[in-house]
Amino acid sequence: MILAIFPPVVIAILRLICRTCKQRVDGGEHLSTAQAQYGCATIAFWHESLGVALWHFRGLGYHTLTSYSFDGELAACVCECSGLHALRGSSSRGGTKGLRLLRAAVKLGITIGLTLDGPKGPHREAKPGIALVAAKNGVPVVPVAMSAAPAWRLRSWDKMCLPKPFSTLQIVFGAPILPPQELSSESLEKFRAAIEFALNELHEILD
């Protein structure tokens, strides 16, 4: 019952609110340039920006990854209601399958979006999975910071941002970060740290 009712209701409320909002986008050419050069890209953002992301990227058919848990199924249903597609897998359960599905999507020229600190944090700390996914796929990572002002902030670990009516949605894209040529643990860690630093730097601009 929850899976049938909650996702469409959430998206309906989000649409109702966001249609009253203004949207300010900076650096959008970074994403379009990466997509033009590589056919697609990996969009990286923090879990707190998920509400704004569902609105901004609605209907584009981008793919993401959700876990096999009930929360993951709920998130998948919400994504589908927003015109996005959720693949199933995680770093702990089904991680290999998730990576394989993401690679298949990239080969088809489909841009993927990943919450780097999801699903349980720590807040604004990139997990190593994003580095491996991007390196295996061979496409650049485009960091994007998203927020709204004014907004509600949930008292959850991610401090999720929910736009208030008539607020301004703020979306800032950073320059593409190219994946390393080799898959050594050292190069992947440097790649992961570079993505985390770039994303937090963008959020400092918004803050």
N, C-alpha and C. Protein backbone atom coordinates (compact mmCIF):
# COMPACT_ATOMS: atom_id res chain seq x y z
N MET A 1 0.83 -1.20 0.00
CA MET A 1 0.00 0.00 0.00
C MET A 1 0.87 1.26 0.00
N ILE A 2 1.93 1.24 0.82
CA ILE A 2 2.84 2.38 0.88
C ILE A 2 3.50 2.61 -0.48
N LEU A 3 3.98 1.53 -1.11
CA LEU A 3 4.66 1.64 -2.40
C LEU A 3 3.72 2.13 -3.49
N ALA A 4 2.43 1.82 -3.36
CA ALA A 4 1.47 2.23 -4.37
C ALA A 4 1.01 3.68 -4.21
N ILE A 5 0.94 4.15 -2.96
CA ILE A 5 0.37 5.46 -2.68
C ILE A 5 1.42 6.54 -2.47
N PHE A 6 2.47 6.23 -1.70
CA PHE A 6 3.43 7.26 -1.29
C PHE A 6 4.17 7.92 -2.46
N PRO A 7 4.77 7.17 -3.41
CA PRO A 7 5.55 7.81 -4.47
C PRO A 7 4.77 8.81 -5.32
N PRO A 8 3.59 8.45 -5.86
CA PRO A 8 2.87 9.45 -6.67
C PRO A 8 2.41 10.66 -5.87
N VAL A 9 2.09 10.46 -4.60
CA VAL A 9 1.68 11.59 -3.76
C VAL A 9 2.85 12.53 -3.53
N VAL A 10 4.03 11.96 -3.23
CA VAL A 10 5.23 12.78 -3.01
C VAL A 10 5.56 13.59 -4.25
N ILE A 11 5.55 12.95 -5.42
CA ILE A 11 5.89 13.65 -6.66
C ILE A 11 4.84 14.71 -6.99
N ALA A 12 3.58 14.43 -6.71
CA ALA A 12 2.52 15.41 -6.96
C ALA A 12 2.72 16.65 -6.10
N ILE A 13 3.06 16.45 -4.82
CA ILE A 13 3.31 17.59 -3.92
C ILE A 13 4.55 18.35 -4.37
N LEU A 14 5.60 17.62 -4.75
CA LEU A 14 6.84 18.26 -5.22
C LEU A 14 6.56 19.11 -6.45
N ARG A 15 5.79 18.59 -7.38
CA ARG A 15 5.46 19.34 -8.59
C ARG A 15 4.66 20.59 -8.26
N LEU A 16 3.71 20.44 -7.35
CA LEU A 16 2.87 21.56 -6.96
C LEU A 16 3.70 22.69 -6.37
N ILE A 17 4.66 22.33 -5.52
CA ILE A 17 5.52 23.34 -4.89
C ILE A 17 6.50 23.94 -5.90
N CYS A 18 7.18 23.09 -6.65
CA CYS A 18 8.25 23.56 -7.53
C CYS A 18 7.73 24.39 -8.70
N ARG A 19 6.49 24.21 -9.08
CA ARG A 19 5.93 25.04 -10.14
C ARG A 19 5.75 26.49 -9.71
N THR A 20 5.79 26.72 -8.41
CA THR A 20 5.70 28.10 -7.90
C THR A 20 7.10 28.71 -7.74
N CYS A 21 8.15 27.89 -7.93
CA CYS A 21 9.51 28.33 -7.65
C CYS A 21 10.22 28.87 -8.89
N LYS A 22 11.18 29.74 -8.65
CA LYS A 22 12.10 30.16 -9.70
C LYS A 22 13.29 29.21 -9.68
N GLN A 23 13.96 29.12 -10.83
CA GLN A 23 15.10 28.22 -10.91
C GLN A 23 16.32 28.97 -11.45
N ARG A 24 17.42 28.87 -10.75
CA ARG A 24 18.66 29.51 -11.18
C ARG A 24 19.70 28.43 -11.40
N VAL A 25 20.18 28.32 -12.65
CA VAL A 25 21.13 27.28 -13.02
C VAL A 25 22.43 27.93 -13.49
N ASP A 26 23.53 27.54 -12.90
CA ASP A 26 24.85 28.03 -13.28
C ASP A 26 25.73 26.85 -13.71
N GLY A 27 26.48 27.04 -14.77
CA GLY A 27 27.42 26.01 -15.21
C GLY A 27 26.80 24.83 -15.92
N GLY A 28 25.57 24.98 -16.42
CA GLY A 28 24.92 23.87 -17.10
C GLY A 28 25.68 23.38 -18.32
N GLU A 29 26.52 24.25 -18.88
CA GLU A 29 27.30 23.86 -20.06
C GLU A 29 28.31 22.75 -19.74
N HIS A 30 28.68 22.63 -18.47
CA HIS A 30 29.62 21.56 -18.10
C HIS A 30 29.00 20.19 -18.37
N LEU A 31 27.74 20.03 -18.05
CA LEU A 31 27.07 18.75 -18.29
C LEU A 31 26.85 18.52 -19.78
N SER A 32 26.36 19.53 -20.49
CA SER A 32 26.09 19.36 -21.92
C SER A 32 27.37 19.10 -22.70
N THR A 33 28.47 19.72 -22.30
CA THR A 33 29.75 19.49 -22.97
C THR A 33 30.23 18.06 -22.76
N ALA A 34 30.14 17.57 -21.52
CA ALA A 34 30.54 16.19 -21.22
C ALA A 34 29.69 15.19 -21.99
N GLN A 35 28.40 15.45 -22.06
CA GLN A 35 27.50 14.55 -22.79
C GLN A 35 27.80 14.57 -24.28
N ALA A 36 28.14 15.74 -24.81
CA ALA A 36 28.45 15.85 -26.24
C ALA A 36 29.75 15.12 -26.59
N GLN A 37 30.73 15.19 -25.70
CA GLN A 37 32.04 14.58 -25.97
C GLN A 37 32.07 13.08 -25.71
N TYR A 38 31.35 12.63 -24.66
CA TYR A 38 31.41 11.23 -24.26
C TYR A 38 30.10 10.46 -24.50
N GLY A 39 29.08 11.15 -24.94
CA GLY A 39 27.79 10.49 -25.17
C GLY A 39 26.90 10.48 -23.95
N CYS A 40 27.51 10.60 -22.77
CA CYS A 40 26.75 10.63 -21.51
C CYS A 40 27.71 11.09 -20.42
N ALA A 41 27.25 11.09 -19.19
CA ALA A 41 28.07 11.52 -18.06
C ALA A 41 27.54 10.89 -16.79
N THR A 42 28.32 11.01 -15.72
CA THR A 42 27.87 10.61 -14.39
C THR A 42 27.65 11.88 -13.57
N ILE A 43 26.42 12.12 -13.15
CA ILE A 43 26.09 13.28 -12.34
C ILE A 43 26.23 12.88 -10.87
N ALA A 44 27.00 13.67 -10.14
CA ALA A 44 27.27 13.36 -8.72
C ALA A 44 26.71 14.45 -7.84
N PHE A 45 25.92 14.09 -6.84
CA PHE A 45 25.37 15.06 -5.90
C PHE A 45 25.15 14.41 -4.54
N TRP A 46 24.96 15.24 -3.52
CA TRP A 46 24.73 14.72 -2.18
C TRP A 46 23.27 14.30 -2.00
N HIS A 47 23.05 13.41 -1.05
CA HIS A 47 21.72 12.86 -0.80
C HIS A 47 20.73 13.95 -0.40
N GLU A 48 21.22 15.00 0.25
CA GLU A 48 20.33 16.09 0.70
C GLU A 48 19.67 16.82 -0.46
N SER A 49 20.25 16.71 -1.67
CA SER A 49 19.74 17.43 -2.84
C SER A 49 18.73 16.62 -3.64
N LEU A 50 18.35 15.46 -3.13
CA LEU A 50 17.51 14.54 -3.90
C LEU A 50 16.18 15.16 -4.31
N GLY A 51 15.55 15.92 -3.40
CA GLY A 51 14.26 16.53 -3.72
C GLY A 51 14.35 17.49 -4.90
N VAL A 52 15.36 18.36 -4.90
CA VAL A 52 15.55 19.30 -6.00
C VAL A 52 15.94 18.56 -7.28
N ALA A 53 16.75 17.50 -7.14
CA ALA A 53 17.19 16.73 -8.30
C ALA A 53 16.01 16.05 -9.00
N LEU A 54 15.07 15.53 -8.23
CA LEU A 54 13.90 14.88 -8.82
C LEU A 54 13.11 15.83 -9.70
N TRP A 55 13.09 17.10 -9.31
CA TRP A 55 12.36 18.10 -10.10
C TRP A 55 13.20 18.57 -11.30
N HIS A 56 14.47 18.90 -11.05
CA HIS A 56 15.30 19.47 -12.10
C HIS A 56 15.54 18.48 -13.25
N PHE A 57 15.75 17.20 -12.92
CA PHE A 57 16.06 16.21 -13.95
C PHE A 57 14.84 15.38 -14.36
N ARG A 58 13.66 15.84 -13.98
CA ARG A 58 12.44 15.08 -14.26
C ARG A 58 12.26 14.82 -15.77
N GLY A 59 11.78 13.63 -16.07
CA GLY A 59 11.43 13.30 -17.45
C GLY A 59 12.58 13.10 -18.41
N LEU A 60 13.82 13.13 -17.93
CA LEU A 60 14.97 13.01 -18.83
C LEU A 60 15.41 11.56 -19.06
N GLY A 61 14.85 10.65 -18.29
CA GLY A 61 15.19 9.24 -18.48
C GLY A 61 16.54 8.85 -17.96
N TYR A 62 17.16 9.69 -17.15
CA TYR A 62 18.45 9.34 -16.56
C TYR A 62 18.28 8.13 -15.63
N HIS A 63 19.35 7.38 -15.44
CA HIS A 63 19.32 6.20 -14.58
C HIS A 63 20.06 6.47 -13.27
N THR A 64 19.62 5.78 -12.24
CA THR A 64 20.30 5.85 -10.95
C THR A 64 20.33 4.46 -10.34
N LEU A 65 20.87 4.35 -9.15
CA LEU A 65 21.01 3.05 -8.49
C LEU A 65 20.39 3.11 -7.11
N THR A 66 19.53 2.14 -6.79
CA THR A 66 18.95 2.05 -5.46
C THR A 66 19.16 0.65 -4.91
N SER A 67 19.13 0.53 -3.59
CA SER A 67 19.42 -0.75 -2.94
C SER A 67 18.22 -1.69 -3.03
N TYR A 68 18.45 -2.93 -2.54
CA TYR A 68 17.39 -3.93 -2.53
C TYR A 68 16.48 -3.81 -1.31
N SER A 69 16.76 -2.88 -0.43
CA SER A 69 15.96 -2.72 0.78
C SER A 69 14.59 -2.13 0.46
N PHE A 70 13.72 -2.08 1.48
CA PHE A 70 12.41 -1.47 1.28
C PHE A 70 12.56 0.02 0.95
N ASP A 71 13.50 0.69 1.63
CA ASP A 71 13.74 2.11 1.33
C ASP A 71 14.20 2.28 -0.11
N GLY A 72 15.03 1.32 -0.57
CA GLY A 72 15.49 1.37 -1.96
C GLY A 72 14.36 1.18 -2.94
N GLU A 73 13.43 0.28 -2.61
CA GLU A 73 12.26 0.07 -3.47
C GLU A 73 11.38 1.31 -3.49
N LEU A 74 11.24 1.95 -2.33
CA LEU A 74 10.46 3.18 -2.25
C LEU A 74 11.09 4.28 -3.09
N ALA A 75 12.42 4.41 -2.98
CA ALA A 75 13.13 5.41 -3.77
C ALA A 75 13.00 5.13 -5.26
N ALA A 76 13.05 3.85 -5.64
CA ALA A 76 12.92 3.48 -7.04
C ALA A 76 11.55 3.89 -7.59
N CYS A 77 10.51 3.67 -6.80
CA CYS A 77 9.16 4.03 -7.23
C CYS A 77 9.02 5.55 -7.37
N VAL A 78 9.63 6.29 -6.46
CA VAL A 78 9.59 7.76 -6.54
C VAL A 78 10.29 8.23 -7.81
N CYS A 79 11.46 7.63 -8.10
CA CYS A 79 12.20 7.99 -9.32
C CYS A 79 11.37 7.72 -10.57
N GLU A 80 10.74 6.56 -10.62
CA GLU A 80 9.94 6.20 -11.78
C GLU A 80 8.79 7.19 -11.99
N CYS A 81 8.20 7.66 -10.90
CA CYS A 81 7.11 8.63 -11.00
C CYS A 81 7.60 9.98 -11.50
N SER A 82 8.91 10.20 -11.40
CA SER A 82 9.49 11.47 -11.84
C SER A 82 10.12 11.38 -13.23
N GLY A 83 9.92 10.26 -13.91
CA GLY A 83 10.46 10.12 -15.25
C GLY A 83 11.92 9.72 -15.29
N LEU A 84 12.41 9.13 -14.19
CA LEU A 84 13.76 8.60 -14.12
C LEU A 84 13.67 7.09 -13.98
N HIS A 85 14.81 6.41 -14.09
CA HIS A 85 14.78 4.95 -14.01
C HIS A 85 15.77 4.47 -12.96
N ALA A 86 15.33 3.62 -12.07
CA ALA A 86 16.18 3.12 -10.98
C ALA A 86 16.62 1.69 -11.26
N LEU A 87 17.94 1.50 -11.29
CA LEU A 87 18.52 0.17 -11.36
C LEU A 87 18.71 -0.32 -9.93
N ARG A 88 18.76 -1.63 -9.73
CA ARG A 88 18.81 -2.17 -8.38
C ARG A 88 20.17 -2.77 -8.09
N GLY A 89 20.74 -2.39 -6.94
CA GLY A 89 22.03 -2.90 -6.50
C GLY A 89 22.56 -2.02 -5.39
N SER A 90 23.64 -2.41 -4.76
CA SER A 90 24.24 -1.63 -3.69
C SER A 90 25.69 -2.04 -3.54
N SER A 91 26.39 -1.32 -2.67
CA SER A 91 27.79 -1.64 -2.44
C SER A 91 27.95 -2.92 -1.64
N SER A 92 26.91 -3.31 -0.90
CA SER A 92 27.01 -4.49 -0.05
C SER A 92 26.23 -5.68 -0.59
N ARG A 93 25.05 -5.42 -1.15
CA ARG A 93 24.22 -6.49 -1.70
C ARG A 93 23.94 -6.20 -3.17
N GLY A 94 24.39 -7.06 -4.03
CA GLY A 94 24.14 -6.88 -5.44
C GLY A 94 25.00 -5.80 -6.08
N GLY A 95 26.13 -5.48 -5.45
CA GLY A 95 26.97 -4.41 -5.96
C GLY A 95 27.51 -4.71 -7.35
N THR A 96 27.93 -5.95 -7.57
CA THR A 96 28.47 -6.33 -8.88
C THR A 96 27.40 -6.21 -9.95
N LYS A 97 26.19 -6.63 -9.65
CA LYS A 97 25.09 -6.52 -10.60
C LYS A 97 24.78 -5.06 -10.86
N GLY A 98 24.76 -4.23 -9.81
CA GLY A 98 24.48 -2.81 -9.98
C GLY A 98 25.49 -2.15 -10.90
N LEU A 99 26.79 -2.47 -10.70
CA LEU A 99 27.84 -1.91 -11.54
C LEU A 99 27.67 -2.35 -12.99
N ARG A 100 27.31 -3.60 -13.19
CA ARG A 100 27.10 -4.13 -14.54
C ARG A 100 25.94 -3.43 -15.24
N LEU A 101 24.87 -3.17 -14.49
CA LEU A 101 23.71 -2.48 -15.07
C LEU A 101 24.04 -1.03 -15.42
N LEU A 102 24.82 -0.38 -14.55
CA LEU A 102 25.22 1.01 -14.83
C LEU A 102 26.11 1.07 -16.07
N ARG A 103 27.02 0.12 -16.21
CA ARG A 103 27.89 0.09 -17.39
C ARG A 103 27.07 -0.13 -18.65
N ALA A 104 26.05 -0.97 -18.55
CA ALA A 104 25.19 -1.22 -19.72
C ALA A 104 24.44 0.05 -20.11
N ALA A 105 23.99 0.81 -19.11
CA ALA A 105 23.28 2.06 -19.39
C ALA A 105 24.21 3.06 -20.08
N VAL A 106 25.45 3.15 -19.58
CA VAL A 106 26.42 4.08 -20.16
C VAL A 106 26.72 3.70 -21.61
N LYS A 107 26.84 2.42 -21.89
CA LYS A 107 27.11 1.97 -23.26
C LYS A 107 25.97 2.37 -24.21
N LEU A 108 24.78 2.53 -23.66
CA LEU A 108 23.63 2.97 -24.46
C LEU A 108 23.55 4.49 -24.54
N GLY A 109 24.51 5.17 -23.92
CA GLY A 109 24.53 6.63 -23.96
C GLY A 109 23.59 7.28 -22.97
N ILE A 110 23.28 6.57 -21.89
CA ILE A 110 22.36 7.09 -20.88
C ILE A 110 23.16 7.71 -19.73
N THR A 111 22.85 8.94 -19.40
CA THR A 111 23.50 9.61 -18.27
C THR A 111 22.98 9.02 -16.97
N ILE A 112 23.87 8.82 -16.01
CA ILE A 112 23.47 8.27 -14.71
C ILE A 112 23.71 9.31 -13.62
N GLY A 113 22.92 9.24 -12.58
CA GLY A 113 23.06 10.14 -11.44
C GLY A 113 23.19 9.35 -10.16
N LEU A 114 24.13 9.73 -9.30
CA LEU A 114 24.38 8.98 -8.07
C LEU A 114 24.48 9.92 -6.88
N THR A 115 23.86 9.54 -5.76
CA THR A 115 24.04 10.27 -4.50
C THR A 115 25.26 9.69 -3.81
N LEU A 116 26.29 10.48 -3.68
CA LEU A 116 27.59 9.96 -3.25
C LEU A 116 27.63 9.52 -1.80
N ASP A 117 26.82 10.13 -0.95
CA ASP A 117 26.84 9.77 0.47
C ASP A 117 25.64 8.94 0.88
N GLY A 118 24.84 8.51 -0.07
CA GLY A 118 23.66 7.71 0.25
C GLY A 118 24.01 6.23 0.37
N PRO A 119 23.09 5.41 0.93
CA PRO A 119 21.81 5.87 1.46
C PRO A 119 21.82 6.25 2.95
N LYS A 120 22.96 6.05 3.64
CA LYS A 120 22.95 6.28 5.09
C LYS A 120 24.10 7.15 5.59
N GLY A 121 24.82 7.80 4.69
CA GLY A 121 25.88 8.71 5.12
C GLY A 121 27.22 8.03 5.30
N PRO A 122 28.18 8.73 5.90
CA PRO A 122 28.10 10.04 6.57
C PRO A 122 27.79 11.19 5.63
N HIS A 123 27.28 12.26 6.23
CA HIS A 123 26.85 13.44 5.48
C HIS A 123 28.00 14.09 4.72
N ARG A 124 27.81 14.29 3.43
CA ARG A 124 28.77 14.97 2.54
C ARG A 124 30.15 14.32 2.53
N GLU A 125 30.17 13.00 2.63
CA GLU A 125 31.40 12.24 2.45
C GLU A 125 31.17 11.22 1.33
N ALA A 126 31.95 11.34 0.27
CA ALA A 126 31.77 10.48 -0.90
C ALA A 126 32.25 9.06 -0.61
N LYS A 127 31.41 8.09 -0.91
CA LYS A 127 31.80 6.70 -0.75
C LYS A 127 32.67 6.28 -1.95
N PRO A 128 33.48 5.26 -1.79
CA PRO A 128 34.41 4.88 -2.86
C PRO A 128 33.74 4.33 -4.11
N GLY A 129 32.48 3.93 -4.00
CA GLY A 129 31.79 3.33 -5.13
C GLY A 129 31.73 4.24 -6.35
N ILE A 130 31.55 5.54 -6.14
CA ILE A 130 31.42 6.47 -7.26
C ILE A 130 32.69 6.48 -8.10
N ALA A 131 33.85 6.41 -7.46
CA ALA A 131 35.11 6.41 -8.19
C ALA A 131 35.24 5.17 -9.06
N LEU A 132 34.88 4.02 -8.50
CA LEU A 132 34.97 2.77 -9.24
C LEU A 132 33.99 2.75 -10.41
N VAL A 133 32.75 3.21 -10.15
CA VAL A 133 31.73 3.23 -11.20
C VAL A 133 32.17 4.10 -12.38
N ALA A 134 32.63 5.32 -12.08
CA ALA A 134 33.03 6.24 -13.14
C ALA A 134 34.26 5.74 -13.88
N ALA A 135 35.22 5.19 -13.14
CA ALA A 135 36.43 4.68 -13.77
C ALA A 135 36.13 3.49 -14.67
N LYS A 136 35.27 2.59 -14.22
CA LYS A 136 34.89 1.43 -15.02
C LYS A 136 34.12 1.86 -16.27
N ASN A 137 33.29 2.90 -16.12
CA ASN A 137 32.48 3.35 -17.25
C ASN A 137 33.27 4.21 -18.22
N GLY A 138 34.34 4.85 -17.72
CA GLY A 138 35.17 5.66 -18.59
C GLY A 138 34.55 6.98 -19.00
N VAL A 139 33.60 7.49 -18.21
CA VAL A 139 32.98 8.78 -18.51
C VAL A 139 33.25 9.75 -17.37
N PRO A 140 33.26 11.05 -17.66
CA PRO A 140 33.57 12.03 -16.60
C PRO A 140 32.45 12.16 -15.58
N VAL A 141 32.84 12.61 -14.40
CA VAL A 141 31.88 12.89 -13.34
C VAL A 141 31.63 14.39 -13.32
N VAL A 142 30.37 14.79 -13.36
CA VAL A 142 29.99 16.20 -13.29
C VAL A 142 29.35 16.44 -11.93
N PRO A 143 30.03 17.12 -11.02
CA PRO A 143 29.44 17.41 -9.71
C PRO A 143 28.38 18.50 -9.84
N VAL A 144 27.32 18.37 -9.08
CA VAL A 144 26.27 19.40 -9.09
C VAL A 144 25.73 19.60 -7.68
N ALA A 145 25.75 20.83 -7.22
CA ALA A 145 25.20 21.19 -5.92
C ALA A 145 23.81 21.77 -6.14
N MET A 146 22.85 21.31 -5.35
CA MET A 146 21.46 21.75 -5.51
C MET A 146 20.87 22.09 -4.15
N SER A 147 20.17 23.20 -4.11
CA SER A 147 19.55 23.63 -2.87
C SER A 147 18.36 24.52 -3.21
N ALA A 148 17.72 25.05 -2.18
CA ALA A 148 16.60 25.96 -2.37
C ALA A 148 16.60 26.97 -1.24
N ALA A 149 16.14 28.17 -1.54
CA ALA A 149 16.07 29.23 -0.52
C ALA A 149 14.79 30.04 -0.74
N PRO A 150 13.92 30.07 0.28
CA PRO A 150 14.02 29.34 1.55
C PRO A 150 13.61 27.87 1.38
N ALA A 151 13.92 27.07 2.38
CA ALA A 151 13.62 25.64 2.30
C ALA A 151 13.44 25.05 3.69
N TRP A 152 12.78 23.91 3.73
CA TRP A 152 12.73 23.12 4.95
C TRP A 152 13.93 22.17 4.97
N ARG A 153 14.48 21.90 6.13
CA ARG A 153 15.54 20.93 6.28
C ARG A 153 15.08 19.83 7.24
N LEU A 154 15.09 18.60 6.76
CA LEU A 154 14.69 17.48 7.60
C LEU A 154 15.71 17.24 8.70
N ARG A 155 15.27 16.68 9.81
CA ARG A 155 16.18 16.35 10.92
C ARG A 155 16.73 14.94 10.76
N SER A 156 17.10 14.60 9.55
CA SER A 156 17.67 13.30 9.24
C SER A 156 19.18 13.44 9.06
N TRP A 157 19.86 12.32 8.88
CA TRP A 157 21.32 12.36 8.77
C TRP A 157 21.76 13.21 7.58
N ASP A 158 20.96 13.24 6.51
CA ASP A 158 21.37 13.96 5.30
C ASP A 158 20.94 15.42 5.28
N LYS A 159 20.09 15.83 6.26
CA LYS A 159 19.58 17.21 6.31
C LYS A 159 18.93 17.59 4.98
N MET A 160 18.07 16.69 4.50
CA MET A 160 17.49 16.87 3.17
C MET A 160 16.79 18.21 3.00
N CYS A 161 17.02 18.82 1.86
CA CYS A 161 16.46 20.12 1.53
C CYS A 161 15.15 19.95 0.77
N LEU A 162 14.07 20.53 1.29
CA LEU A 162 12.78 20.50 0.63
C LEU A 162 12.34 21.94 0.35
N PRO A 163 12.17 22.30 -0.91
CA PRO A 163 11.83 23.69 -1.25
C PRO A 163 10.50 24.13 -0.64
N LYS A 164 10.47 25.39 -0.21
CA LYS A 164 9.21 25.99 0.21
C LYS A 164 8.54 26.63 -1.00
N PRO A 165 7.22 26.80 -0.98
CA PRO A 165 6.56 27.45 -2.11
C PRO A 165 7.16 28.82 -2.40
N PHE A 166 7.30 29.13 -3.69
CA PHE A 166 7.81 30.42 -4.18
C PHE A 166 9.27 30.66 -3.80
N SER A 167 10.01 29.59 -3.55
CA SER A 167 11.43 29.73 -3.26
C SER A 167 12.22 29.75 -4.57
N THR A 168 13.55 29.90 -4.46
CA THR A 168 14.43 29.85 -5.61
C THR A 168 15.25 28.56 -5.56
N LEU A 169 15.11 27.75 -6.60
CA LEU A 169 15.90 26.53 -6.70
C LEU A 169 17.27 26.89 -7.27
N GLN A 170 18.31 26.49 -6.58
CA GLN A 170 19.67 26.84 -6.99
C GLN A 170 20.42 25.58 -7.41
N ILE A 171 20.87 25.57 -8.67
CA ILE A 171 21.58 24.42 -9.22
C ILE A 171 22.90 24.91 -9.80
N VAL A 172 24.01 24.40 -9.30
CA VAL A 172 25.34 24.81 -9.77
C VAL A 172 26.12 23.58 -10.20
N PHE A 173 26.49 23.53 -11.49
CA PHE A 173 27.29 22.43 -12.02
C PHE A 173 28.77 22.80 -11.98
N GLY A 174 29.60 21.82 -11.65
CA GLY A 174 31.04 22.02 -11.66
C GLY A 174 31.65 21.45 -12.93
N ALA A 175 32.91 21.73 -13.14
CA ALA A 175 33.62 21.22 -14.31
C ALA A 175 33.74 19.70 -14.25
N PRO A 176 33.65 19.02 -15.39
CA PRO A 176 33.77 17.55 -15.40
C PRO A 176 35.11 17.09 -14.83
N ILE A 177 35.08 16.01 -14.09
CA ILE A 177 36.29 15.41 -13.52
C ILE A 177 36.53 14.09 -14.25
N LEU A 178 37.65 14.00 -14.93
CA LEU A 178 37.94 12.83 -15.75
C LEU A 178 38.38 11.66 -14.88
N PRO A 179 37.93 10.44 -15.19
CA PRO A 179 38.32 9.26 -14.40
C PRO A 179 39.78 8.91 -14.65
N PRO A 180 40.41 8.22 -13.70
CA PRO A 180 41.80 7.82 -13.88
C PRO A 180 41.96 6.75 -14.96
N GLN A 181 43.15 6.70 -15.54
CA GLN A 181 43.43 5.71 -16.58
C GLN A 181 43.61 4.31 -15.99
N GLU A 182 44.10 4.25 -14.75
CA GLU A 182 44.32 2.96 -14.10
C GLU A 182 43.37 2.81 -12.91
N LEU A 183 43.17 1.57 -12.49
CA LEU A 183 42.21 1.29 -11.42
C LEU A 183 42.91 0.91 -10.12
N SER A 184 44.08 1.46 -9.86
CA SER A 184 44.78 1.18 -8.61
C SER A 184 44.04 1.83 -7.45
N SER A 185 44.21 1.30 -6.26
CA SER A 185 43.53 1.85 -5.08
C SER A 185 43.93 3.30 -4.84
N GLU A 186 45.18 3.64 -5.12
CA GLU A 186 45.66 5.00 -4.90
C GLU A 186 45.01 5.98 -5.86
N SER A 187 44.93 5.62 -7.15
CA SER A 187 44.34 6.52 -8.13
C SER A 187 42.84 6.67 -7.91
N LEU A 188 42.18 5.59 -7.51
CA LEU A 188 40.74 5.67 -7.25
C LEU A 188 40.46 6.54 -6.03
N GLU A 189 41.30 6.46 -5.02
CA GLU A 189 41.11 7.30 -3.83
C GLU A 189 41.31 8.77 -4.16
N LYS A 190 42.31 9.09 -4.97
CA LYS A 190 42.52 10.47 -5.39
C LYS A 190 41.32 10.98 -6.19
N PHE A 191 40.78 10.12 -7.03
CA PHE A 191 39.61 10.47 -7.84
C PHE A 191 38.40 10.73 -6.94
N ARG A 192 38.19 9.83 -5.96
CA ARG A 192 37.07 9.99 -5.03
C ARG A 192 37.20 11.29 -4.24
N ALA A 193 38.40 11.56 -3.75
CA ALA A 193 38.63 12.77 -2.96
C ALA A 193 38.44 14.03 -3.79
N ALA A 194 38.81 13.98 -5.07
CA ALA A 194 38.64 15.14 -5.95
C ALA A 194 37.17 15.44 -6.18
N ILE A 195 36.36 14.40 -6.32
CA ILE A 195 34.92 14.58 -6.51
C ILE A 195 34.30 15.17 -5.24
N GLU A 196 34.66 14.61 -4.10
CA GLU A 196 34.14 15.09 -2.82
C GLU A 196 34.50 16.56 -2.60
N PHE A 197 35.74 16.91 -2.86
CA PHE A 197 36.20 18.29 -2.67
C PHE A 197 35.45 19.24 -3.60
N ALA A 198 35.30 18.87 -4.87
CA ALA A 198 34.62 19.73 -5.84
C ALA A 198 33.16 19.95 -5.45
N LEU A 199 32.51 18.88 -5.00
CA LEU A 199 31.10 18.99 -4.64
C LEU A 199 30.90 19.85 -3.40
N ASN A 200 31.75 19.68 -2.41
CA ASN A 200 31.64 20.50 -1.20
C ASN A 200 31.98 21.96 -1.49
N GLU A 201 32.88 22.18 -2.42
CA GLU A 201 33.23 23.55 -2.81
C GLU A 201 32.02 24.23 -3.47
N LEU A 202 31.30 23.50 -4.30
CA LEU A 202 30.09 24.05 -4.93
C LEU A 202 29.03 24.38 -3.88
N HIS A 203 28.91 23.52 -2.87
CA HIS A 203 27.93 23.78 -1.82
C HIS A 203 28.32 25.00 -0.98
N GLU A 204 29.60 25.24 -0.81
CA GLU A 204 30.04 26.44 -0.11
C GLU A 204 29.60 27.69 -0.88
N ILE A 205 29.62 27.62 -2.21
CA ILE A 205 29.15 28.73 -3.02
C ILE A 205 27.66 28.98 -2.76
N LEU A 206 26.88 27.91 -2.73
CA LEU A 206 25.44 28.05 -2.48
C LEU A 206 25.18 28.55 -1.07
N ASP A 207 25.91 28.02 -0.10
CA ASP A 207 25.70 28.42 1.30
C ASP A 207 26.04 29.88 1.50
